[in-house]
C-alpha atoms as a PDB file:
ATOM      1  CA  UNK A   1     142.378 -75.953 244.518  1.00  0.00           C
ATOM      2  CA  UNK A   2     139.465 -73.536 245.003  1.00  0.00           C
ATOM      3  CA  UNK A   3     140.377 -70.300 246.723  1.00  0.00           C
ATOM      4  CA  UNK A   4     137.688 -70.694 249.429  1.00  0.00           C
ATOM      5  CA  UNK A   5     138.943 -74.176 250.279  1.00  0.00           C
ATOM      6  CA  UNK A   6     142.513 -72.837 250.581  1.00  0.00           C
ATOM      7  CA  UNK A   7     141.346 -70.065 252.922  1.00  0.00           C
ATOM      8  CA  UNK A   8     139.512 -72.556 255.105  1.00  0.00           C
ATOM      9  CA  UNK A   9     142.537 -74.851 255.200  1.00  0.00           C
ATOM     10  CA  UNK A  10     144.858 -71.977 256.199  1.00  0.00           C
ATOM     11  CA  UNK A  11     142.363 -70.781 258.798  1.00  0.00           C
ATOM     12  CA  UNK A  12     142.129 -74.311 260.218  1.00  0.00           C
ATOM     13  CA  UNK A  13     145.922 -74.603 260.364  1.00  0.00           C
ATOM     14  CA  UNK A  14     146.327 -71.266 262.152  1.00  0.00           C
ATOM     15  CA  UNK A  15     143.507 -72.126 264.568  1.00  0.00           C
ATOM     16  CA  UNK A  16     145.048 -75.542 265.240  1.00  0.00           C
ATOM     17  CA  UNK A  17     148.461 -74.038 265.954  1.00  0.00           C
ATOM     18  CA  UNK A  18     146.859 -71.457 268.227  1.00  0.00           C
ATOM     19  CA  UNK A  19     144.996 -74.131 270.184  1.00  0.00           C
ATOM     20  CA  UNK A  20     148.167 -76.235 270.432  1.00  0.00           C
ATOM     21  CA  UNK A  21     150.183 -73.292 271.746  1.00  0.00           C
ATOM     22  CA  UNK A  22     147.379 -72.491 274.176  1.00  0.00           C
ATOM     23  CA  UNK A  23     147.377 -76.101 275.423  1.00  0.00           C
ATOM     24  CA  UNK A  24     151.178 -76.033 275.849  1.00  0.00           C
ATOM     25  CA  UNK A  25     151.003 -72.716 277.723  1.00  0.00           C
ATOM     26  CA  UNK A  26     148.212 -74.053 279.924  1.00  0.00           C
ATOM     27  CA  UNK A  27     150.220 -77.226 280.617  1.00  0.00           C
ATOM     28  CA  UNK A  28     153.298 -75.195 281.563  1.00  0.00           C
ATOM     29  CA  UNK A  29     151.230 -72.850 283.738  1.00  0.00           C
ATOM     30  CA  UNK A  30     149.713 -75.832 285.552  1.00  0.00           C
ATOM     31  CA  UNK A  31     153.182 -77.346 286.026  1.00  0.00           C
ATOM     32  CA  UNK A  32     154.439 -74.040 287.470  1.00  0.00           C
ATOM     33  CA  UNK A  33     151.474 -73.825 289.846  1.00  0.00           C
ATOM     34  CA  UNK A  34     152.038 -77.389 291.108  1.00  0.00           C
ATOM     35  CA  UNK A  35     155.854 -77.262 291.211  1.00  0.00           C
ATOM     36  CA  UNK A  36     155.903 -76.217 294.890  1.00  0.00           C
ATOM     37  CA  UNK A  37     153.005 -78.415 296.005  1.00  0.00           C
ATOM     38  CA  UNK A  38     154.364 -80.859 298.626  1.00  0.00           C
ATOM     39  CA  UNK A  39     151.239 -83.001 298.073  1.00  0.00           C
ATOM     40  CA  UNK A  40     151.365 -83.134 294.282  1.00  0.00           C
ATOM     41  CA  UNK A  41     150.341 -86.583 293.053  1.00  0.00           C
ATOM     42  CA  UNK A  42     153.747 -86.932 291.401  1.00  0.00           C
ATOM     43  CA  UNK A  43     156.965 -88.751 292.290  1.00  0.00           C
ATOM     44  CA  UNK A  44     159.597 -86.141 293.216  1.00  0.00           C
ATOM     45  CA  UNK A  45     163.285 -85.949 294.077  1.00  0.00           C
ATOM     46  CA  UNK A  46     164.736 -82.807 295.650  1.00  0.00           C
ATOM     47  CA  UNK A  47     168.323 -81.645 296.097  1.00  0.00           C
ATOM     48  CA  UNK A  48     168.301 -78.819 298.641  1.00  0.00           C
ATOM     49  CA  UNK A  49     170.912 -76.822 300.515  1.00  0.00           C
ATOM     50  CA  UNK A  50     170.952 -74.305 303.368  1.00  0.00           C
ATOM     51  CA  UNK A  51     174.098 -72.204 303.652  1.00  0.00           C
ATOM     52  CA  UNK A  52     174.045 -70.583 307.101  1.00  0.00           C
ATOM     53  CA  UNK A  53     175.956 -67.320 307.119  1.00  0.00           C
ATOM     54  CA  UNK A  54     175.369 -66.536 310.808  1.00  0.00           C
ATOM     55  CA  UNK A  55     174.006 -68.258 313.913  1.00  0.00           C
ATOM     56  CA  UNK A  56     172.365 -66.768 316.975  1.00  0.00           C
ATOM     57  CA  UNK A  57     174.668 -66.569 319.984  1.00  0.00           C
ATOM     58  CA  UNK A  58     178.356 -65.675 320.318  1.00  0.00           C
ATOM     59  CA  UNK A  59     180.949 -66.104 317.603  1.00  0.00           C
ATOM     60  CA  UNK A  60     181.173 -65.375 313.893  1.00  0.00           C
ATOM     61  CA  UNK A  61     180.266 -68.898 312.766  1.00  0.00           C
ATOM     62  CA  UNK A  62     178.927 -70.444 309.560  1.00  0.00           C
ATOM     63  CA  UNK A  63     177.454 -73.815 308.663  1.00  0.00           C
ATOM     64  CA  UNK A  64     175.793 -75.807 305.929  1.00  0.00           C
ATOM     65  CA  UNK A  65     173.059 -78.408 305.589  1.00  0.00           C
ATOM     66  CA  UNK A  66     172.602 -80.437 302.404  1.00  0.00           C
ATOM     67  CA  UNK A  67     169.317 -82.359 302.120  1.00  0.00           C
ATOM     68  CA  UNK A  68     168.216 -85.179 299.822  1.00  0.00           C
ATOM     69  CA  UNK A  69     164.434 -85.664 299.721  1.00  0.00           C
ATOM     70  CA  UNK A  70     162.249 -88.224 297.956  1.00  0.00           C
ATOM     71  CA  UNK A  71     158.457 -88.184 297.774  1.00  0.00           C
ATOM     72  CA  UNK A  72     156.150 -90.737 296.224  1.00  0.00           C
ATOM     73  CA  UNK A  73     152.346 -90.991 296.107  1.00  0.00           C
ATOM     74  CA  UNK A  74     150.969 -94.478 296.878  1.00  0.00           C
ATOM     75  CA  UNK A  75     147.494 -95.974 296.866  1.00  0.00           C
ATOM     76  CA  UNK A  76     146.383 -98.325 299.628  1.00  0.00           C
ATOM     77  CA  UNK A  77     142.944 -99.661 298.822  1.00  0.00           C
ATOM     78  CA  UNK A  78     140.779 -96.642 298.071  1.00  0.00           C
ATOM     79  CA  UNK A  79     143.016 -94.241 300.012  1.00  0.00           C
ATOM     80  CA  UNK A  80     145.810 -92.034 298.679  1.00  0.00           C
ATOM     81  CA  UNK A  81     148.995 -91.384 300.647  1.00  0.00           C
ATOM     82  CA  UNK A  82     152.162 -89.406 300.105  1.00  0.00           C
ATOM     83  CA  UNK A  83     155.370 -90.919 301.515  1.00  0.00           C
ATOM     84  CA  UNK A  84     158.246 -88.461 301.987  1.00  0.00           C
ATOM     85  CA  UNK A  85     161.786 -89.183 303.210  1.00  0.00           C
ATOM     86  CA  UNK A  86     164.471 -86.562 303.967  1.00  0.00           C
ATOM     87  CA  UNK A  87     168.116 -87.173 304.834  1.00  0.00           C
ATOM     88  CA  UNK A  88     170.462 -84.280 305.711  1.00  0.00           C
ATOM     89  CA  UNK A  89     174.243 -84.018 305.577  1.00  0.00           C
ATOM     90  CA  UNK A  90     175.378 -81.201 307.846  1.00  0.00           C
ATOM     91  CA  UNK A  91     178.488 -79.226 308.667  1.00  0.00           C
ATOM     92  CA  UNK A  92     177.841 -77.360 311.911  1.00  0.00           C
ATOM     93  CA  UNK A  93     180.153 -75.363 314.214  1.00  0.00           C
ATOM     94  CA  UNK A  94     181.245 -76.839 317.540  1.00  0.00           C
ATOM     95  CA  UNK A  95     181.895 -74.232 320.242  1.00  0.00           C
ATOM     96  CA  UNK A  96     183.106 -70.779 319.239  1.00  0.00           C
ATOM     97  CA  UNK A  97     186.539 -71.606 317.828  1.00  0.00           C
ATOM     98  CA  UNK A  98     185.465 -72.349 314.273  1.00  0.00           C
ATOM     99  CA  UNK A  99     185.759 -76.147 314.406  1.00  0.00           C
ATOM    100  CA  UNK A 100     182.977 -78.071 312.695  1.00  0.00           C
ATOM    101  CA  UNK A 101     181.328 -81.459 312.972  1.00  0.00           C
ATOM    102  CA  UNK A 102     180.368 -83.072 309.661  1.00  0.00           C
ATOM    103  CA  UNK A 103     178.132 -86.011 308.884  1.00  0.00           C
ATOM    104  CA  UNK A 104     174.718 -87.475 308.184  1.00  0.00           C
ATOM    105  CA  UNK A 105     171.801 -86.359 310.336  1.00  0.00           C
ATOM    106  CA  UNK A 106     168.565 -88.085 311.381  1.00  0.00           C
ATOM    107  CA  UNK A 107     166.327 -89.627 308.722  1.00  0.00           C
ATOM    108  CA  UNK A 108     162.905 -87.950 308.645  1.00  0.00           C
ATOM    109  CA  UNK A 109     159.875 -89.785 307.222  1.00  0.00           C
ATOM    110  CA  UNK A 110     156.192 -88.979 307.080  1.00  0.00           C
ATOM    111  CA  UNK A 111     153.191 -90.649 305.502  1.00  0.00           C
ATOM    112  CA  UNK A 112     150.366 -88.216 304.772  1.00  0.00           C
ATOM    113  CA  UNK A 113     146.828 -89.430 304.085  1.00  0.00           C
ATOM    114  CA  UNK A 114     145.320 -87.238 301.361  1.00  0.00           C
ATOM    115  CA  UNK A 115     141.718 -86.240 301.910  1.00  0.00           C
ATOM    116  CA  UNK A 116     139.349 -85.814 298.991  1.00  0.00           C
ATOM    117  CA  UNK A 117     138.646 -82.071 299.154  1.00  0.00           C
ATOM    118  CA  UNK A 118     136.288 -82.097 296.175  1.00  0.00           C
ATOM    119  CA  UNK A 119     138.504 -79.482 294.498  1.00  0.00           C
ATOM    120  CA  UNK A 120     141.520 -80.636 292.422  1.00  0.00           C
ATOM    121  CA  UNK A 121     143.299 -77.379 293.224  1.00  0.00           C
ATOM    122  CA  UNK A 122     143.201 -77.912 296.999  1.00  0.00           C
ATOM    123  CA  UNK A 123     145.313 -80.548 298.760  1.00  0.00           C
ATOM    124  CA  UNK A 124     144.982 -81.473 302.435  1.00  0.00           C
ATOM    125  CA  UNK A 125     146.711 -84.332 304.239  1.00  0.00           C
ATOM    126  CA  UNK A 126     147.461 -85.588 307.763  1.00  0.00           C
ATOM    127  CA  UNK A 127     149.656 -88.465 308.850  1.00  0.00           C
ATOM    128  CA  UNK A 128     152.343 -89.846 311.154  1.00  0.00           C
ATOM    129  CA  UNK A 129     155.946 -88.676 311.194  1.00  0.00           C
ATOM    130  CA  UNK A 130     158.900 -90.850 312.234  1.00  0.00           C
ATOM    131  CA  UNK A 131     162.473 -89.692 312.813  1.00  0.00           C
ATOM    132  CA  UNK A 132     165.131 -92.406 312.934  1.00  0.00           C
ATOM    133  CA  UNK A 133     168.431 -91.792 314.827  1.00  0.00           C
ATOM    134  CA  UNK A 134     170.738 -92.228 311.829  1.00  0.00           C
ATOM    135  CA  UNK A 135     173.110 -89.343 312.675  1.00  0.00           C
ATOM    136  CA  UNK A 136     176.787 -90.247 312.451  1.00  0.00           C
ATOM    137  CA  UNK A 137     177.486 -87.903 315.385  1.00  0.00           C
ATOM    138  CA  UNK A 138     175.059 -87.261 318.267  1.00  0.00           C
ATOM    139  CA  UNK A 139     175.645 -83.510 317.806  1.00  0.00           C
ATOM    140  CA  UNK A 140     173.955 -83.793 314.401  1.00  0.00           C
ATOM    141  CA  UNK A 141     170.813 -85.515 315.673  1.00  0.00           C
ATOM    142  CA  UNK A 142     168.695 -86.202 318.726  1.00  0.00           C
ATOM    143  CA  UNK A 143     170.186 -89.722 319.271  1.00  0.00           C
ATOM    144  CA  UNK A 144     166.697 -91.134 319.863  1.00  0.00           C
ATOM    145  CA  UNK A 145     163.668 -92.327 317.945  1.00  0.00           C
ATOM    146  CA  UNK A 146     160.976 -89.692 317.486  1.00  0.00           C
ATOM    147  CA  UNK A 147     157.318 -90.004 316.617  1.00  0.00           C
ATOM    148  CA  UNK A 148     154.903 -87.236 315.663  1.00  0.00           C
ATOM    149  CA  UNK A 149     152.338 -85.851 313.235  1.00  0.00           C
ATOM    150  CA  UNK A 150     152.441 -83.935 309.956  1.00  0.00           C
ATOM    151  CA  UNK A 151     149.661 -81.826 308.431  1.00  0.00           C
ATOM    152  CA  UNK A 152     149.897 -80.272 304.961  1.00  0.00           C
ATOM    153  CA  UNK A 153     147.608 -77.857 303.100  1.00  0.00           C
ATOM    154  CA  UNK A 154     148.194 -76.424 299.635  1.00  0.00           C
ATOM    155  CA  UNK A 155     145.876 -74.224 297.586  1.00  0.00           C
ATOM    156  CA  UNK A 156     146.615 -74.019 293.856  1.00  0.00           C
ATOM    157  CA  UNK A 157     143.157 -72.950 292.671  1.00  0.00           C
ATOM    158  CA  UNK A 158     144.683 -69.783 291.217  1.00  0.00           C
ATOM    159  CA  UNK A 159     147.222 -70.048 288.375  1.00  0.00           C
ATOM    160  CA  UNK A 160     148.853 -66.855 289.687  1.00  0.00           C
ATOM    161  CA  UNK A 161     149.018 -67.277 293.471  1.00  0.00           C
ATOM    162  CA  UNK A 162     149.455 -70.471 295.508  1.00  0.00           C
ATOM    163  CA  UNK A 163     149.696 -70.803 299.269  1.00  0.00           C
ATOM    164  CA  UNK A 164     149.572 -73.299 302.119  1.00  0.00           C
ATOM    165  CA  UNK A 165     151.548 -74.712 305.023  1.00  0.00           C
ATOM    166  CA  UNK A 166     153.333 -77.720 306.494  1.00  0.00           C
ATOM    167  CA  UNK A 167     152.812 -78.234 310.237  1.00  0.00           C
ATOM    168  CA  UNK A 168     154.790 -80.892 312.125  1.00  0.00           C
ATOM    169  CA  UNK A 169     155.460 -81.988 315.684  1.00  0.00           C
ATOM    170  CA  UNK A 170     157.664 -84.811 316.892  1.00  0.00           C
ATOM    171  CA  UNK A 171     158.750 -86.077 320.296  1.00  0.00           C
ATOM    172  CA  UNK A 172     161.324 -88.556 321.533  1.00  0.00           C
ATOM    173  CA  UNK A 173     160.187 -92.075 322.421  1.00  0.00           C
ATOM    174  CA  UNK A 174     161.902 -94.991 324.122  1.00  0.00           C
ATOM    175  CA  UNK A 175     165.533 -94.810 325.240  1.00  0.00           C
ATOM    176  CA  UNK A 176     167.040 -91.340 324.787  1.00  0.00           C
ATOM    177  CA  UNK A 177     170.621 -92.564 325.444  1.00  0.00           C
ATOM    178  CA  UNK A 178     171.033 -90.030 328.252  1.00  0.00           C
ATOM    179  CA  UNK A 179     169.975 -87.074 326.067  1.00  0.00           C
ATOM    180  CA  UNK A 180     167.060 -84.734 326.790  1.00  0.00           C
ATOM    181  CA  UNK A 181     163.814 -86.039 325.312  1.00  0.00           C
ATOM    182  CA  UNK A 182     163.138 -84.255 322.039  1.00  0.00           C
ATOM    183  CA  UNK A 183     159.958 -82.223 321.517  1.00  0.00           C
ATOM    184  CA  UNK A 184     160.059 -80.028 318.443  1.00  0.00           C
ATOM    185  CA  UNK A 185     157.331 -78.256 316.473  1.00  0.00           C
ATOM    186  CA  UNK A 186     157.679 -76.573 313.088  1.00  0.00           C
ATOM    187  CA  UNK A 187     155.385 -74.479 310.902  1.00  0.00           C
ATOM    188  CA  UNK A 188     156.340 -73.785 307.289  1.00  0.00           C
ATOM    189  CA  UNK A 189     154.063 -71.309 305.476  1.00  0.00           C
ATOM    190  CA  UNK A 190     154.072 -71.322 301.657  1.00  0.00           C
ATOM    191  CA  UNK A 191     153.267 -68.367 299.406  1.00  0.00           C
ATOM    192  CA  UNK A 192     154.156 -68.210 295.707  1.00  0.00           C
ATOM    193  CA  UNK A 193     153.298 -65.704 292.978  1.00  0.00           C
ATOM    194  CA  UNK A 194     153.756 -66.654 289.322  1.00  0.00           C
ATOM    195  CA  UNK A 195     155.554 -63.989 287.273  1.00  0.00           C
ATOM    196  CA  UNK A 196     155.135 -65.694 283.890  1.00  0.00           C
ATOM    197  CA  UNK A 197     157.327 -67.821 281.605  1.00  0.00           C
ATOM    198  CA  UNK A 198     158.034 -70.198 284.503  1.00  0.00           C
ATOM    199  CA  UNK A 199     159.444 -67.497 286.803  1.00  0.00           C
ATOM    200  CA  UNK A 200     157.942 -67.037 290.252  1.00  0.00           C
ATOM    201  CA  UNK A 201     158.618 -65.432 293.609  1.00  0.00           C
ATOM    202  CA  UNK A 202     157.494 -66.021 297.188  1.00  0.00           C
ATOM    203  CA  UNK A 203     158.919 -67.892 300.154  1.00  0.00           C
ATOM    204  CA  UNK A 204     158.746 -70.984 302.351  1.00  0.00           C
ATOM    205  CA  UNK A 205     160.657 -70.352 305.607  1.00  0.00           C
ATOM    206  CA  UNK A 206     160.480 -72.838 308.496  1.00  0.00           C
ATOM    207  CA  UNK A 207     159.392 -71.465 311.884  1.00  0.00           C
ATOM    208  CA  UNK A 208     160.516 -73.787 314.676  1.00  0.00           C
ATOM    209  CA  UNK A 209     159.784 -74.091 318.391  1.00  0.00           C
ATOM    210  CA  UNK A 210     161.628 -76.347 320.823  1.00  0.00           C
ATOM    211  CA  UNK A 211     159.181 -77.303 323.586  1.00  0.00           C
ATOM    212  CA  UNK A 212     162.005 -78.720 325.702  1.00  0.00           C
ATOM    213  CA  UNK A 213     163.926 -75.457 326.215  1.00  0.00           C
ATOM    214  CA  UNK A 214     161.537 -72.843 324.689  1.00  0.00           C
ATOM    215  CA  UNK A 215     164.021 -71.895 321.972  1.00  0.00           C
ATOM    216  CA  UNK A 216     162.442 -70.695 318.744  1.00  0.00           C
ATOM    217  CA  UNK A 217     163.249 -69.189 315.370  1.00  0.00           C
ATOM    218  CA  UNK A 218     160.984 -67.169 313.049  1.00  0.00           C
ATOM    219  CA  UNK A 219     162.716 -66.459 309.715  1.00  0.00           C
ATOM    220  CA  UNK A 220     161.341 -64.743 306.629  1.00  0.00           C
ATOM    221  CA  UNK A 221     162.552 -65.264 303.080  1.00  0.00           C
ATOM    222  CA  UNK A 222     162.133 -64.028 299.523  1.00  0.00           C
ATOM    223  CA  UNK A 223     162.514 -66.514 296.680  1.00  0.00           C
ATOM    224  CA  UNK A 224     163.249 -66.228 293.000  1.00  0.00           C
ATOM    225  CA  UNK A 225     162.565 -69.452 291.123  1.00  0.00           C
ATOM    226  CA  UNK A 226     162.239 -70.841 287.646  1.00  0.00           C
ATOM    227  CA  UNK A 227     160.085 -73.819 286.635  1.00  0.00           C
ATOM    228  CA  UNK A 228     161.178 -75.652 283.482  1.00  0.00           C
ATOM    229  CA  UNK A 229     159.208 -78.508 281.942  1.00  0.00           C
ATOM    230  CA  UNK A 230     161.412 -80.847 279.908  1.00  0.00           C
ATOM    231  CA  UNK A 231     159.706 -83.952 278.577  1.00  0.00           C
ATOM    232  CA  UNK A 232     158.165 -85.783 281.520  1.00  0.00           C
ATOM    233  CA  UNK A 233     160.215 -83.926 284.136  1.00  0.00           C
ATOM    234  CA  UNK A 234     159.435 -80.589 285.801  1.00  0.00           C
ATOM    235  CA  UNK A 235     162.519 -78.826 287.188  1.00  0.00           C
ATOM    236  CA  UNK A 236     162.030 -76.224 289.919  1.00  0.00           C
ATOM    237  CA  UNK A 237     165.238 -74.245 290.510  1.00  0.00           C
ATOM    238  CA  UNK A 238     165.308 -71.471 293.086  1.00  0.00           C
ATOM    239  CA  UNK A 239     167.293 -69.417 295.566  1.00  0.00           C
ATOM    240  CA  UNK A 240     165.763 -67.969 298.735  1.00  0.00           C
ATOM    241  CA  UNK A 241     167.737 -65.760 301.159  1.00  0.00           C
ATOM    242  CA  UNK A 242     166.249 -65.979 304.660  1.00  0.00           C
ATOM    243  CA  UNK A 243     166.831 -64.012 307.832  1.00  0.00           C
ATOM    244  CA  UNK A 244     165.490 -64.399 311.360  1.00  0.00           C
ATOM    245  CA  UNK A 245     163.117 -61.649 312.473  1.00  0.00           C
ATOM    246  CA  UNK A 246     162.464 -63.135 315.925  1.00  0.00           C
ATOM    247  CA  UNK A 247     164.364 -65.821 317.820  1.00  0.00           C
ATOM    248  CA  UNK A 248     165.414 -67.066 321.236  1.00  0.00           C
ATOM    249  CA  UNK A 249     168.356 -69.331 322.046  1.00  0.00           C
ATOM    250  CA  UNK A 250     171.845 -69.974 320.665  1.00  0.00           C
ATOM    251  CA  UNK A 251     172.867 -72.024 317.656  1.00  0.00           C
ATOM    252  CA  UNK A 252     169.862 -71.134 315.484  1.00  0.00           C
ATOM    253  CA  UNK A 253     170.222 -69.788 311.919  1.00  0.00           C
ATOM    254  CA  UNK A 254     170.332 -65.993 311.913  1.00  0.00           C
ATOM    255  CA  UNK A 255     170.971 -65.561 308.194  1.00  0.00           C
ATOM    256  CA  UNK A 256     170.940 -68.292 305.571  1.00  0.00           C
ATOM    257  CA  UNK A 257     170.531 -68.915 301.849  1.00  0.00           C
ATOM    258  CA  UNK A 258     168.222 -71.733 300.780  1.00  0.00           C
ATOM    259  CA  UNK A 259     168.668 -73.021 297.234  1.00  0.00           C
ATOM    260  CA  UNK A 260     167.502 -76.160 295.513  1.00  0.00           C
ATOM    261  CA  UNK A 261     166.837 -78.167 292.388  1.00  0.00           C
ATOM    262  CA  UNK A 262     163.509 -79.981 292.775  1.00  0.00           C
ATOM    263  CA  UNK A 263     162.362 -82.509 290.184  1.00  0.00           C
ATOM    264  CA  UNK A 264     158.864 -83.902 289.581  1.00  0.00           C
ATOM    265  CA  UNK A 265     158.523 -86.928 287.300  1.00  0.00           C
ATOM    266  CA  UNK A 266     155.195 -86.827 285.461  1.00  0.00           C
END
């Protein structure tokens, strides 16, 4: 084999391996950037948990909320929608004596119509939200049907920094079974910074406001997460301690730890 031909072959092999590694790195970086996108055009299943170390109000009480969440993009004609369903299982204190009520909470669903932003890195969607009274105990839910709106924005144009928000409002409709009519708003800001090799930091606390009694909670959080791409599945594993910096009312989380395993199926 001529020496020049051998050099060219070796050069081609090295270049090919370099391009392959670059493509893999780019694919993993893109997966990391989209791992926290609630509007990603990918079927997802999330296992999430909030351990509440302290509530506002009297008593040294703790609680827990375990959440299963499923999201699936669907096409209706020429329009794109994201359907998301969340079902909690909660263990919350009753009174100040340490007793707890345990059970399933209300089923939360929203269908978000995804607008064509003209930029594949920017997602924007608006749609209806429905909350079904599936709670096994009326202390774990509103005991009434609720209807509202959801609006989501996510900007992943930068491979290093992604940000956005989820804004929702829902109110009770129909028979409230003798309970106060629900009217609850929530704003969840997102901000994530990629550290490299799948590691990232940031936060996604939920700021809530109860229009019925003017109670509110404004927590902040700091997250450490790891995104792992295995075959056709992207795993997003993280822990995010959160603490309330401003609140009003009793029974709201004062300190909590949010951790989850989120899966996207490519």
